Amino acid sequence: MDTLLLFGVLCGILMSVSASGSEYNLTCYDCLYLSKRVYYMDDCQGDVTMHDDLLQPCKKRDTFCKIEKTTNHGITVRFERSCAETCKEECRWKDMVSMNLICTKCCQHNACNV
């Protein structure tokens, strides 16, 4: 009987170790919009909560969900939602020649990059 009890305890410990060692931790919306010279609203820029297929598990090292939007003279030319290992909330000019402004928003809980 003691052997059976010990086996049960060990199985419980192993199950809790494998569950806590999960490869994924955070879930974020993951999509990319690239402008093709014609502006239109796509699923990535719109209400992503309507698209469960865009919600993806992140790698364990990814502790942020982020949104990165690139505009050129006020027109969105690139829009991305993703998981990220690091994230700095800011707006910065890519360079003064292209006049692309890149703005990044960061958050750290499930499905927060809406």
PDB file of N, CA and C in Angstrom:
ATOM      1  N   MET A   1       0.817  -1.184   0.000  1.00  0.00           N
ATOM      2  CA  MET A   1       0.000   0.000   0.000  1.00  0.00           C
ATOM      3  C   MET A   1       0.867   1.257   0.000  1.00  0.00           C
ATOM      4  N   ASP A   2       1.973   1.257   0.749  1.00  0.00           N
ATOM      5  CA  ASP A   2       2.871   2.404   0.795  1.00  0.00           C
ATOM      6  C   ASP A   2       3.503   2.664  -0.569  1.00  0.00           C
ATOM      7  N   THR A   3       3.801   1.615  -1.301  1.00  0.00           N
ATOM      8  CA  THR A   3       4.379   1.753  -2.636  1.00  0.00           C
ATOM      9  C   THR A   3       3.393   2.426  -3.577  1.00  0.00           C
ATOM     10  N   LEU A   4       2.139   2.071  -3.511  1.00  0.00           N
ATOM     11  CA  LEU A   4       1.105   2.668  -4.346  1.00  0.00           C
ATOM     12  C   LEU A   4       0.924   4.142  -4.011  1.00  0.00           C
ATOM     13  N   LEU A   5       0.943   4.486  -2.744  1.00  0.00           N
ATOM     14  CA  LEU A   5       0.821   5.877  -2.308  1.00  0.00           C
ATOM     15  C   LEU A   5       2.007   6.695  -2.806  1.00  0.00           C
ATOM     16  N   LEU A   6       3.212   6.156  -2.682  1.00  0.00           N
ATOM     17  CA  LEU A   6       4.417   6.830  -3.152  1.00  0.00           C
ATOM     18  C   LEU A   6       4.359   7.045  -4.664  1.00  0.00           C
ATOM     19  N   PHE A   7       3.880   6.053  -5.410  1.00  0.00           N
ATOM     20  CA  PHE A   7       3.741   6.159  -6.856  1.00  0.00           C
ATOM     21  C   PHE A   7       2.776   7.293  -7.213  1.00  0.00           C
ATOM     22  N   GLY A   8       1.666   7.372  -6.498  1.00  0.00           N
ATOM     23  CA  GLY A   8       0.681   8.431  -6.747  1.00  0.00           C
ATOM     24  C   GLY A   8       1.241   9.815  -6.481  1.00  0.00           C
ATOM     25  N   VAL A   9       1.996   9.955  -5.411  1.00  0.00           N
ATOM     26  CA  VAL A   9       2.609  11.239  -5.072  1.00  0.00           C
ATOM     27  C   VAL A   9       3.621  11.633  -6.139  1.00  0.00           C
ATOM     28  N   LEU A  10       4.457  10.696  -6.564  1.00  0.00           N
ATOM     29  CA  LEU A  10       5.448  10.980  -7.605  1.00  0.00           C
ATOM     30  C   LEU A  10       4.789  11.367  -8.917  1.00  0.00           C
ATOM     31  N   CYS A  11       3.726  10.685  -9.288  1.00  0.00           N
ATOM     32  CA  CYS A  11       3.005  11.022 -10.519  1.00  0.00           C
ATOM     33  C   CYS A  11       2.454  12.435 -10.430  1.00  0.00           C
ATOM     34  N   GLY A  12       1.915  12.806  -9.282  1.00  0.00           N
ATOM     35  CA  GLY A  12       1.399  14.163  -9.082  1.00  0.00           C
ATOM     36  C   GLY A  12       2.488  15.206  -9.210  1.00  0.00           C
ATOM     37  N   ILE A  13       3.658  14.931  -8.654  1.00  0.00           N
ATOM     38  CA  ILE A  13       4.783  15.866  -8.745  1.00  0.00           C
ATOM     39  C   ILE A  13       5.240  16.001 -10.187  1.00  0.00           C
ATOM     40  N   LEU A  14       5.371  14.905 -10.897  1.00  0.00           N
ATOM     41  CA  LEU A  14       5.806  14.956 -12.295  1.00  0.00           C
ATOM     42  C   LEU A  14       4.804  15.695 -13.156  1.00  0.00           C
ATOM     43  N   MET A  15       3.521  15.496 -12.918  1.00  0.00           N
ATOM     44  CA  MET A  15       2.500  16.193 -13.701  1.00  0.00           C
ATOM     45  C   MET A  15       2.560  17.690 -13.447  1.00  0.00           C
ATOM     46  N   SER A  16       2.777  18.118 -12.213  1.00  0.00           N
ATOM     47  CA  SER A  16       2.831  19.548 -11.927  1.00  0.00           C
ATOM     48  C   SER A  16       4.097  20.173 -12.521  1.00  0.00           C
ATOM     49  N   VAL A  17       5.209  19.449 -12.564  1.00  0.00           N
ATOM     50  CA  VAL A  17       6.435  19.959 -13.171  1.00  0.00           C
ATOM     51  C   VAL A  17       6.258  20.120 -14.668  1.00  0.00           C
ATOM     52  N   SER A  18       5.658  19.150 -15.337  1.00  0.00           N
ATOM     53  CA  SER A  18       5.494  19.267 -16.786  1.00  0.00           C
ATOM     54  C   SER A  18       4.482  20.348 -17.136  1.00  0.00           C
ATOM     55  N   ALA A  19       3.473  20.572 -16.314  1.00  0.00           N
ATOM     56  CA  ALA A  19       2.496  21.627 -16.587  1.00  0.00           C
ATOM     57  C   ALA A  19       3.120  23.003 -16.391  1.00  0.00           C
ATOM     58  N   SER A  20       3.967  23.160 -15.375  1.00  0.00           N
ATOM     59  CA  SER A  20       4.573  24.463 -15.137  1.00  0.00           C
ATOM     60  C   SER A  20       5.705  24.735 -16.125  1.00  0.00           C
ATOM     61  N   GLY A  21       6.256  23.725 -16.761  1.00  0.00           N
ATOM     62  CA  GLY A  21       7.326  23.902 -17.731  1.00  0.00           C
ATOM     63  C   GLY A  21       6.788  24.104 -19.143  1.00  0.00           C
ATOM     64  N   SER A  22       5.615  24.636 -19.250  1.00  0.00           N
ATOM     65  CA  SER A  22       4.969  24.848 -20.541  1.00  0.00           C
ATOM     66  C   SER A  22       5.829  25.727 -21.448  1.00  0.00           C
ATOM     67  N   GLU A  23       5.750  25.468 -22.735  1.00  0.00           N
ATOM     68  CA  GLU A  23       6.513  26.238 -23.710  1.00  0.00           C
ATOM     69  C   GLU A  23       5.902  27.615 -23.929  1.00  0.00           C
ATOM     70  N   TYR A  24       4.614  27.769 -23.633  1.00  0.00           N
ATOM     71  CA  TYR A  24       3.915  29.029 -23.870  1.00  0.00           C
ATOM     72  C   TYR A  24       3.419  29.616 -22.567  1.00  0.00           C
ATOM     73  N   ASN A  25       3.309  30.910 -22.538  1.00  0.00           N
ATOM     74  CA  ASN A  25       2.873  31.590 -21.336  1.00  0.00           C
ATOM     75  C   ASN A  25       1.758  32.575 -21.656  1.00  0.00           C
ATOM     76  N   LEU A  26       2.025  33.528 -22.507  1.00  0.00           N
ATOM     77  CA  LEU A  26       1.132  34.621 -22.857  1.00  0.00           C
ATOM     78  C   LEU A  26       0.466  34.326 -24.197  1.00  0.00           C
ATOM     79  N   THR A  27      -0.732  34.836 -24.407  1.00  0.00           N
ATOM     80  CA  THR A  27      -1.356  34.769 -25.730  1.00  0.00           C
ATOM     81  C   THR A  27      -1.589  36.185 -26.224  1.00  0.00           C
ATOM     82  N   CYS A  28      -1.271  36.427 -27.488  1.00  0.00           N
ATOM     83  CA  CYS A  28      -1.406  37.751 -28.087  1.00  0.00           C
ATOM     84  C   CYS A  28      -2.032  37.619 -29.474  1.00  0.00           C
ATOM     85  N   TYR A  29      -2.629  38.715 -29.930  1.00  0.00           N
ATOM     86  CA  TYR A  29      -3.080  38.751 -31.322  1.00  0.00           C
ATOM     87  C   TYR A  29      -1.845  38.886 -32.202  1.00  0.00           C
ATOM     88  N   ASP A  30      -1.829  38.147 -33.311  1.00  0.00           N
ATOM     89  CA  ASP A  30      -0.666  38.098 -34.181  1.00  0.00           C
ATOM     90  C   ASP A  30      -1.120  38.252 -35.628  1.00  0.00           C
ATOM     91  N   CYS A  31      -0.780  39.393 -36.241  1.00  0.00           N
ATOM     92  CA  CYS A  31      -1.144  39.626 -37.641  1.00  0.00           C
ATOM     93  C   CYS A  31      -0.294  40.770 -38.186  1.00  0.00           C
ATOM     94  N   LEU A  32      -0.290  40.894 -39.499  1.00  0.00           N
ATOM     95  CA  LEU A  32       0.504  41.924 -40.164  1.00  0.00           C
ATOM     96  C   LEU A  32      -0.264  42.464 -41.352  1.00  0.00           C
ATOM     97  N   TYR A  33      -0.315  43.790 -41.448  1.00  0.00           N
ATOM     98  CA  TYR A  33      -0.894  44.474 -42.605  1.00  0.00           C
ATOM     99  C   TYR A  33       0.214  45.271 -43.272  1.00  0.00           C
ATOM    100  N   LEU A  34       0.366  45.093 -44.565  1.00  0.00           N
ATOM    101  CA  LEU A  34       1.304  45.897 -45.351  1.00  0.00           C
ATOM    102  C   LEU A  34       0.525  46.597 -46.450  1.00  0.00           C
ATOM    103  N   SER A  35       0.716  47.906 -46.576  1.00  0.00           N
ATOM    104  CA  SER A  35      -0.007  48.691 -47.584  1.00  0.00           C
ATOM    105  C   SER A  35       0.460  48.303 -48.987  1.00  0.00           C
ATOM    106  N   LYS A  36      -0.499  48.240 -49.877  1.00  0.00           N
ATOM    107  CA  LYS A  36      -0.184  47.974 -51.287  1.00  0.00           C
ATOM    108  C   LYS A  36      -0.608  49.174 -52.131  1.00  0.00           C
ATOM    109  N   ARG A  37      -0.317  50.365 -51.609  1.00  0.00           N
ATOM    110  CA  ARG A  37      -0.621  51.643 -52.245  1.00  0.00           C
ATOM    111  C   ARG A  37      -2.101  52.003 -52.240  1.00  0.00           C
ATOM    112  N   VAL A  38      -2.942  51.114 -51.822  1.00  0.00           N
ATOM    113  CA  VAL A  38      -4.369  51.418 -51.705  1.00  0.00           C
ATOM    114  C   VAL A  38      -4.739  51.219 -50.246  1.00  0.00           C
ATOM    115  N   TYR A  39      -5.242  52.258 -49.606  1.00  0.00           N
ATOM    116  CA  TYR A  39      -5.583  52.147 -48.196  1.00  0.00           C
ATOM    117  C   TYR A  39      -6.910  51.424 -48.024  1.00  0.00           C
ATOM    118  N   TYR A  40      -6.914  50.432 -47.189  1.00  0.00           N
ATOM    119  CA  TYR A  40      -8.156  49.769 -46.800  1.00  0.00           C
ATOM    120  C   TYR A  40      -7.982  49.208 -45.401  1.00  0.00           C
ATOM    121  N   MET A  41      -9.090  49.042 -44.710  1.00  0.00           N
ATOM    122  CA  MET A  41      -9.063  48.480 -43.361  1.00  0.00           C
ATOM    123  C   MET A  41      -9.113  46.970 -43.497  1.00  0.00           C
ATOM    124  N   ASP A  42      -8.150  46.280 -42.924  1.00  0.00           N
ATOM    125  CA  ASP A  42      -8.142  44.820 -42.972  1.00  0.00           C
ATOM    126  C   ASP A  42      -8.422  44.268 -41.581  1.00  0.00           C
ATOM    127  N   ASP A  43      -8.444  42.947 -41.460  1.00  0.00           N
ATOM    128  CA  ASP A  43      -8.739  42.301 -40.179  1.00  0.00           C
ATOM    129  C   ASP A  43      -7.729  42.688 -39.104  1.00  0.00           C
ATOM    130  N   CYS A  44      -6.478  42.874 -39.472  1.00  0.00           N
ATOM    131  CA  CYS A  44      -5.435  43.169 -38.489  1.00  0.00           C
ATOM    132  C   CYS A  44      -5.637  44.542 -37.851  1.00  0.00           C
ATOM    133  N   GLN A  45      -6.069  45.516 -38.628  1.00  0.00           N
ATOM    134  CA  GLN A  45      -6.271  46.858 -38.098  1.00  0.00           C
ATOM    135  C   GLN A  45      -7.634  47.034 -37.448  1.00  0.00           C
ATOM    136  N   GLY A  46      -8.555  46.167 -37.787  1.00  0.00           N
ATOM    137  CA  GLY A  46      -9.915  46.284 -37.281  1.00  0.00           C
ATOM    138  C   GLY A  46     -10.094  45.652 -35.918  1.00  0.00           C
ATOM    139  N   ASP A  47     -11.305  45.208 -35.649  1.00  0.00           N
ATOM    140  CA  ASP A  47     -11.651  44.595 -34.370  1.00  0.00           C
ATOM    141  C   ASP A  47     -11.178  43.147 -34.367  1.00  0.00           C
ATOM    142  N   VAL A  48      -9.962  42.917 -33.864  1.00  0.00           N
ATOM    143  CA  VAL A  48      -9.378  41.574 -33.875  1.00  0.00           C
ATOM    144  C   VAL A  48     -10.105  40.611 -32.950  1.00  0.00           C
ATOM    145  N   THR A  49     -10.881  41.123 -32.008  1.00  0.00           N
ATOM    146  CA  THR A  49     -11.610  40.242 -31.093  1.00  0.00           C
ATOM    147  C   THR A  49     -12.660  39.420 -31.834  1.00  0.00           C
ATOM    148  N   MET A  50     -12.966  39.806 -33.060  1.00  0.00           N
ATOM    149  CA  MET A  50     -13.918  39.059 -33.894  1.00  0.00           C
ATOM    150  C   MET A  50     -13.229  37.913 -34.635  1.00  0.00           C
ATOM    151  N   HIS A  51     -11.903  37.807 -34.510  1.00  0.00           N
ATOM    152  CA  HIS A  51     -11.123  36.822 -35.267  1.00  0.00           C
ATOM    153  C   HIS A  51     -10.271  35.990 -34.313  1.00  0.00           C
ATOM    154  N   ASP A  52     -10.860  34.927 -33.768  1.00  0.00           N
ATOM    155  CA  ASP A  52     -10.146  34.063 -32.825  1.00  0.00           C
ATOM    156  C   ASP A  52      -8.890  33.451 -33.425  1.00  0.00           C
ATOM    157  N   ASP A  53      -8.858  33.281 -34.750  1.00  0.00           N
ATOM    158  CA  ASP A  53      -7.692  32.680 -35.392  1.00  0.00           C
ATOM    159  C   ASP A  53      -6.452  33.576 -35.306  1.00  0.00           C
ATOM    160  N   LEU A  54      -6.634  34.857 -34.988  1.00  0.00           N
ATOM    161  CA  LEU A  54      -5.501  35.769 -34.853  1.00  0.00           C
ATOM    162  C   LEU A  54      -4.881  35.732 -33.457  1.00  0.00           C
ATOM    163  N   LEU A  55      -5.526  35.068 -32.505  1.00  0.00           N
ATOM    164  CA  LEU A  55      -5.000  34.943 -31.146  1.00  0.00           C
ATOM    165  C   LEU A  55      -4.068  33.737 -31.088  1.00  0.00           C
ATOM    166  N   GLN A  56      -2.794  33.984 -30.786  1.00  0.00           N
ATOM    167  CA  GLN A  56      -1.771  32.942 -30.841  1.00  0.00           C
ATOM    168  C   GLN A  56      -1.005  32.834 -29.526  1.00  0.00           C
ATOM    169  N   PRO A  57      -0.559  31.627 -29.169  1.00  0.00           N
ATOM    170  CA  PRO A  57       0.294  31.482 -27.984  1.00  0.00           C
ATOM    171  C   PRO A  57       1.695  32.016 -28.276  1.00  0.00           C
ATOM    172  N   CYS A  58       2.278  32.667 -27.282  1.00  0.00           N
ATOM    173  CA  CYS A  58       3.631  33.209 -27.427  1.00  0.00           C
ATOM    174  C   CYS A  58       4.643  32.212 -26.873  1.00  0.00           C
ATOM    175  N   LYS A  59       5.867  32.385 -27.266  1.00  0.00           N
ATOM    176  CA  LYS A  59       6.952  31.595 -26.674  1.00  0.00           C
ATOM    177  C   LYS A  59       7.145  32.076 -25.232  1.00  0.00           C
ATOM    178  N   LYS A  60       7.673  31.228 -24.394  1.00  0.00           N
ATOM    179  CA  LYS A  60       7.816  31.544 -22.969  1.00  0.00           C
ATOM    180  C   LYS A  60       8.653  32.809 -22.743  1.00  0.00           C
ATOM    181  N   ARG A  61       9.653  33.037 -23.580  1.00  0.00           N
ATOM    182  CA  ARG A  61      10.513  34.220 -23.426  1.00  0.00           C
ATOM    183  C   ARG A  61       9.800  35.526 -23.787  1.00  0.00           C
ATOM    184  N   ASP A  62       8.681  35.427 -24.521  1.00  0.00           N
ATOM    185  CA  ASP A  62       7.920  36.617 -24.909  1.00  0.00           C
ATOM    186  C   ASP A  62       7.015  37.040 -23.757  1.00  0.00           C
ATOM    187  N   THR A  63       7.329  38.170 -23.163  1.00  0.00           N
ATOM    188  CA  THR A  63       6.567  38.638 -21.999  1.00  0.00           C
ATOM    189  C   THR A  63       5.683  39.832 -22.330  1.00  0.00           C
ATOM    190  N   PHE A  64       5.668  40.250 -23.599  1.00  0.00           N
ATOM    191  CA  PHE A  64       4.857  41.389 -24.030  1.00  0.00           C
ATOM    192  C   PHE A  64       3.979  41.022 -25.220  1.00  0.00           C
ATOM    193  N   CYS A  65       2.840  41.661 -25.300  1.00  0.00           N
ATOM    194  CA  CYS A  65       2.070  41.740 -26.530  1.00  0.00           C
ATOM    195  C   CYS A  65       2.322  43.164 -27.027  1.00  0.00           C
ATOM    196  N   LYS A  66       2.403  43.340 -28.340  1.00  0.00           N
ATOM    197  CA  LYS A  66       2.646  44.699 -28.820  1.00  0.00           C
ATOM    198  C   LYS A  66       1.867  44.988 -30.090  1.00  0.00           C
ATOM    199  N   ILE A  67       1.718  46.265 -30.336  1.00  0.00           N
ATOM    200  CA  ILE A  67       1.156  46.780 -31.584  1.00  0.00           C
ATOM    201  C   ILE A  67       2.183  47.760 -32.127  1.00  0.00           C
ATOM    202  N   GLU A  68       2.537  47.593 -33.384  1.00  0.00           N
ATOM    203  CA  GLU A  68       3.464  48.524 -34.028  1.00  0.00           C
ATOM    204  C   GLU A  68       2.805  49.058 -35.296  1.00  0.00           C
ATOM    205  N   LYS A  69       2.661  50.370 -35.357  1.00  0.00           N
ATOM    206  CA  LYS A  69       1.990  51.024 -36.492  1.00  0.00           C
ATOM    207  C   LYS A  69       2.959  51.999 -37.150  1.00  0.00           C
ATOM    208  N   THR A  70       3.126  51.842 -38.460  1.00  0.00           N
ATOM    209  CA  THR A  70       3.987  52.738 -39.225  1.00  0.00           C
ATOM    210  C   THR A  70       3.114  53.576 -40.146  1.00  0.00           C
ATOM    211  N   THR A  71       3.270  54.892 -40.036  1.00  0.00           N
ATOM    212  CA  THR A  71       2.504  55.795 -40.899  1.00  0.00           C
ATOM    213  C   THR A  71       3.463  56.633 -41.729  1.00  0.00           C
ATOM    214  N   ASN A  72       2.980  57.038 -42.892  1.00  0.00           N
ATOM    215  CA  ASN A  72       3.720  57.915 -43.777  1.00  0.00           C
ATOM    216  C   ASN A  72       2.763  59.025 -44.175  1.00  0.00           C
ATOM    217  N   HIS A  73       3.049  60.247 -43.733  1.00  0.00           N
ATOM    218  CA  HIS A  73       2.160  61.396 -43.968  1.00  0.00           C
ATOM    219  C   HIS A  73       0.739  61.094 -43.499  1.00  0.00           C
ATOM    220  N   GLY A  74       0.616  60.403 -42.364  1.00  0.00           N
ATOM    221  CA  GLY A  74      -0.687  60.117 -41.778  1.00  0.00           C
ATOM    222  C   GLY A  74      -1.393  58.888 -42.316  1.00  0.00           C
ATOM    223  N   ILE A  75      -0.819  58.230 -43.310  1.00  0.00           N
ATOM    224  CA  ILE A  75      -1.435  57.031 -43.897  1.00  0.00           C
ATOM    225  C   ILE A  75      -0.713  55.796 -43.367  1.00  0.00           C
ATOM    226  N   THR A  76      -1.479  54.820 -42.877  1.00  0.00           N
ATOM    227  CA  THR A  76      -0.885  53.593 -42.344  1.00  0.00           C
ATOM    228  C   THR A  76      -0.301  52.769 -43.486  1.00  0.00           C
ATOM    229  N   VAL A  77       0.998  52.486 -43.383  1.00  0.00           N
ATOM    230  CA  VAL A  77       1.664  51.676 -44.408  1.00  0.00           C
ATOM    231  C   VAL A  77       2.046  50.297 -43.871  1.00  0.00           C
ATOM    232  N   ARG A  78       2.065  50.155 -42.545  1.00  0.00           N
ATOM    233  CA  ARG A  78       2.371  48.861 -41.922  1.00  0.00           C
ATOM    234  C   ARG A  78       1.703  48.847 -40.550  1.00  0.00           C
ATOM    235  N   PHE A  79       1.091  47.709 -40.212  1.00  0.00           N
ATOM    236  CA  PHE A  79       0.429  47.563 -38.918  1.00  0.00           C
ATOM    237  C   PHE A  79       0.625  46.131 -38.463  1.00  0.00           C
ATOM    238  N   GLU A  80       1.208  45.951 -37.266  1.00  0.00           N
ATOM    239  CA  GLU A  80       1.501  44.601 -36.787  1.00  0.00           C
ATOM    240  C   GLU A  80       1.094  44.441 -35.329  1.00  0.00           C
ATOM    241  N   ARG A  81       0.477  43.305 -35.042  1.00  0.00           N
ATOM    242  CA  ARG A  81       0.200  42.874 -33.669  1.00  0.00           C
ATOM    243  C   ARG A  81       1.013  41.605 -33.470  1.00  0.00           C
ATOM    244  N   SER A  82       1.702  41.491 -32.317  1.00  0.00           N
ATOM    245  CA  SER A  82       2.560  40.318 -32.130  1.00  0.00           C
ATOM    246  C   SER A  82       2.959  40.129 -30.670  1.00  0.00           C
ATOM    247  N   CYS A  83       3.620  38.993 -30.423  1.00  0.00           N
ATOM    248  CA  CYS A  83       4.304  38.710 -29.158  1.00  0.00           C
ATOM    249  C   CYS A  83       5.687  39.346 -29.262  1.00  0.00           C
ATOM    250  N   ALA A  84       6.254  39.698 -28.114  1.00  0.00           N
ATOM    251  CA  ALA A  84       7.599  40.283 -28.134  1.00  0.00           C
ATOM    252  C   ALA A  84       8.351  39.950 -26.860  1.00  0.00           C
ATOM    253  N   GLU A  85       9.630  39.732 -27.017  1.00  0.00           N
ATOM    254  CA  GLU A  85      10.499  39.468 -25.875  1.00  0.00           C
ATOM    255  C   GLU A  85      10.752  40.756 -25.097  1.00  0.00           C
ATOM    256  N   THR A  86      10.934  41.853 -25.840  1.00  0.00           N
ATOM    257  CA  THR A  86      11.110  43.174 -25.240  1.00  0.00           C
ATOM    258  C   THR A  86      10.176  44.142 -25.951  1.00  0.00           C
ATOM    259  N   CYS A  87       9.868  45.239 -25.301  1.00  0.00           N
ATOM    260  CA  CYS A  87       8.992  46.224 -25.930  1.00  0.00           C
ATOM    261  C   CYS A  87       9.220  47.576 -25.270  1.00  0.00           C
ATOM    262  N   LYS A  88       9.303  48.603 -26.092  1.00  0.00           N
ATOM    263  CA  LYS A  88       9.461  49.968 -25.596  1.00  0.00           C
ATOM    264  C   LYS A  88       8.349  50.805 -26.205  1.00  0.00           C
ATOM    265  N   GLU A  89       7.496  51.346 -25.342  1.00  0.00           N
ATOM    266  CA  GLU A  89       6.370  52.147 -25.825  1.00  0.00           C
ATOM    267  C   GLU A  89       6.898  53.514 -26.235  1.00  0.00           C
ATOM    268  N   GLU A  90       6.768  53.799 -27.538  1.00  0.00           N
ATOM    269  CA  GLU A  90       7.329  55.047 -28.066  1.00  0.00           C
ATOM    270  C   GLU A  90       6.830  55.295 -29.484  1.00  0.00           C
ATOM    271  N   CYS A  91       7.062  56.507 -29.957  1.00  0.00           N
ATOM    272  CA  CYS A  91       6.928  56.847 -31.374  1.00  0.00           C
ATOM    273  C   CYS A  91       8.279  57.390 -31.811  1.00  0.00           C
ATOM    274  N   ARG A  92       8.753  56.927 -32.954  1.00  0.00           N
ATOM    275  CA  ARG A  92      10.061  57.373 -33.442  1.00  0.00           C
ATOM    276  C   ARG A  92      10.034  57.449 -34.969  1.00  0.00           C
ATOM    277  N   TRP A  93      10.848  58.329 -35.513  1.00  0.00           N
ATOM    278  CA  TRP A  93      10.991  58.424 -36.960  1.00  0.00           C
ATOM    279  C   TRP A  93      11.940  57.336 -37.420  1.00  0.00           C
ATOM    280  N   LYS A  94      11.534  56.567 -38.440  1.00  0.00           N
ATOM    281  CA  LYS A  94      12.426  55.546 -38.985  1.00  0.00           C
ATOM    282  C   LYS A  94      13.655  56.229 -39.560  1.00  0.00           C
ATOM    283  N   ASP A  95      13.418  57.218 -40.375  1.00  0.00           N
ATOM    284  CA  ASP A  95      14.465  58.098 -40.888  1.00  0.00           C
ATOM    285  C   ASP A  95      13.760  59.305 -41.496  1.00  0.00           C
ATOM    286  N   MET A  96      14.477  60.364 -41.689  1.00  0.00           N
ATOM    287  CA  MET A  96      13.852  61.596 -42.190  1.00  0.00           C
ATOM    288  C   MET A  96      13.612  61.551 -43.700  1.00  0.00           C
ATOM    289  N   VAL A  97      14.241  60.636 -44.402  1.00  0.00           N
ATOM    290  CA  VAL A  97      14.056  60.542 -45.845  1.00  0.00           C
ATOM    291  C   VAL A  97      12.690  59.925 -46.164  1.00  0.00           C
ATOM    292  N   SER A  98      12.373  58.797 -45.540  1.00  0.00           N
ATOM    293  CA  SER A  98      11.112  58.104 -45.833  1.00  0.00           C
ATOM    294  C   SER A  98       9.923  58.757 -45.145  1.00  0.00           C
ATOM    295  N   MET A  99      10.175  59.530 -44.081  1.00  0.00           N
ATOM    296  CA  MET A  99       9.117  60.176 -43.294  1.00  0.00           C
ATOM    297  C   MET A  99       8.153  59.162 -42.683  1.00  0.00           C
ATOM    298  N   ASN A 100       8.664  57.957 -42.369  1.00  0.00           N
ATOM    299  CA  ASN A 100       7.854  56.931 -41.707  1.00  0.00           C
ATOM    300  C   ASN A 100       7.943  57.114 -40.199  1.00  0.00           C
ATOM    301  N   LEU A 101       6.788  57.254 -39.562  1.00  0.00           N
ATOM    302  CA  LEU A 101       6.705  57.359 -38.114  1.00  0.00           C
ATOM    303  C   LEU A 101       6.248  56.008 -37.578  1.00  0.00           C
ATOM    304  N   ILE A 102       7.039  55.408 -36.687  1.00  0.00           N
ATOM    305  CA  ILE A 102       6.725  54.095 -36.118  1.00  0.00           C
ATOM    306  C   ILE A 102       6.330  54.286 -34.655  1.00  0.00           C
ATOM    307  N   CYS A 103       5.097  53.889 -34.329  1.00  0.00           N
ATOM    308  CA  CYS A 103       4.616  53.988 -32.947  1.00  0.00           C
ATOM    309  C   CYS A 103       4.370  52.586 -32.409  1.00  0.00           C
ATOM    310  N   THR A 104       4.852  52.339 -31.194  1.00  0.00           N
ATOM    311  CA  THR A 104       4.746  51.022 -30.552  1.00  0.00           C
ATOM    312  C   THR A 104       3.991  51.157 -29.241  1.00  0.00           C
ATOM    313  N   LYS A 105       3.044  50.242 -29.029  1.00  0.00           N
ATOM    314  CA  LYS A 105       2.318  50.146 -27.757  1.00  0.00           C
ATOM    315  C   LYS A 105       2.597  48.760 -27.185  1.00  0.00           C
ATOM    316  N   CYS A 106       2.747  48.661 -25.867  1.00  0.00           N
ATOM    317  CA  CYS A 106       3.100  47.421 -25.188  1.00  0.00           C
ATOM    318  C   CYS A 106       2.101  47.112 -24.077  1.00  0.00           C
ATOM    319  N   CYS A 107       1.897  45.823 -23.826  1.00  0.00           N
ATOM    320  CA  CYS A 107       1.068  45.393 -22.695  1.00  0.00           C
ATOM    321  C   CYS A 107       1.520  43.985 -22.287  1.00  0.00           C
ATOM    322  N   GLN A 108       1.089  43.544 -21.104  1.00  0.00           N
ATOM    323  CA  GLN A 108       1.625  42.284 -20.586  1.00  0.00           C
ATOM    324  C   GLN A 108       0.571  41.341 -20.019  1.00  0.00           C
ATOM    325  N   HIS A 109      -0.610  41.305 -20.608  1.00  0.00           N
ATOM    326  CA  HIS A 109      -1.575  40.291 -20.206  1.00  0.00           C
ATOM    327  C   HIS A 109      -2.250  39.705 -21.451  1.00  0.00           C
ATOM    328  N   ASN A 110      -2.875  38.584 -21.305  1.00  0.00           N
ATOM    329  CA  ASN A 110      -3.441  37.841 -22.440  1.00  0.00           C
ATOM    330  C   ASN A 110      -4.395  38.692 -23.273  1.00  0.00           C
ATOM    331  N   ALA A 111      -4.189  38.623 -24.578  1.00  0.00           N
ATOM    332  CA  ALA A 111      -5.065  39.263 -25.574  1.00  0.00           C
ATOM    333  C   ALA A 111      -5.211  40.765 -25.351  1.00  0.00           C
ATOM    334  N   CYS A 112      -4.163  41.409 -24.870  1.00  0.00           N
ATOM    335  CA  CYS A 112      -4.245  42.846 -24.560  1.00  0.00           C
ATOM    336  C   CYS A 112      -3.935  43.744 -25.751  1.00  0.00           C
ATOM    337  N   ASN A 113      -3.350  43.200 -26.824  1.00  0.00           N
ATOM    338  CA  ASN A 113      -2.977  44.045 -27.962  1.00  0.00           C
ATOM    339  C   ASN A 113      -4.126  44.167 -28.956  1.00  0.00           C
ATOM    340  N   VAL A 114      -5.233  44.714 -28.447  1.00  0.00           N
ATOM    341  CA  VAL A 114      -6.442  44.909 -29.278  1.00  0.00           C
ATOM    342  C   VAL A 114      -6.464  46.305 -29.853  1.00  0.00           C
TER     343      VAL A 114
END
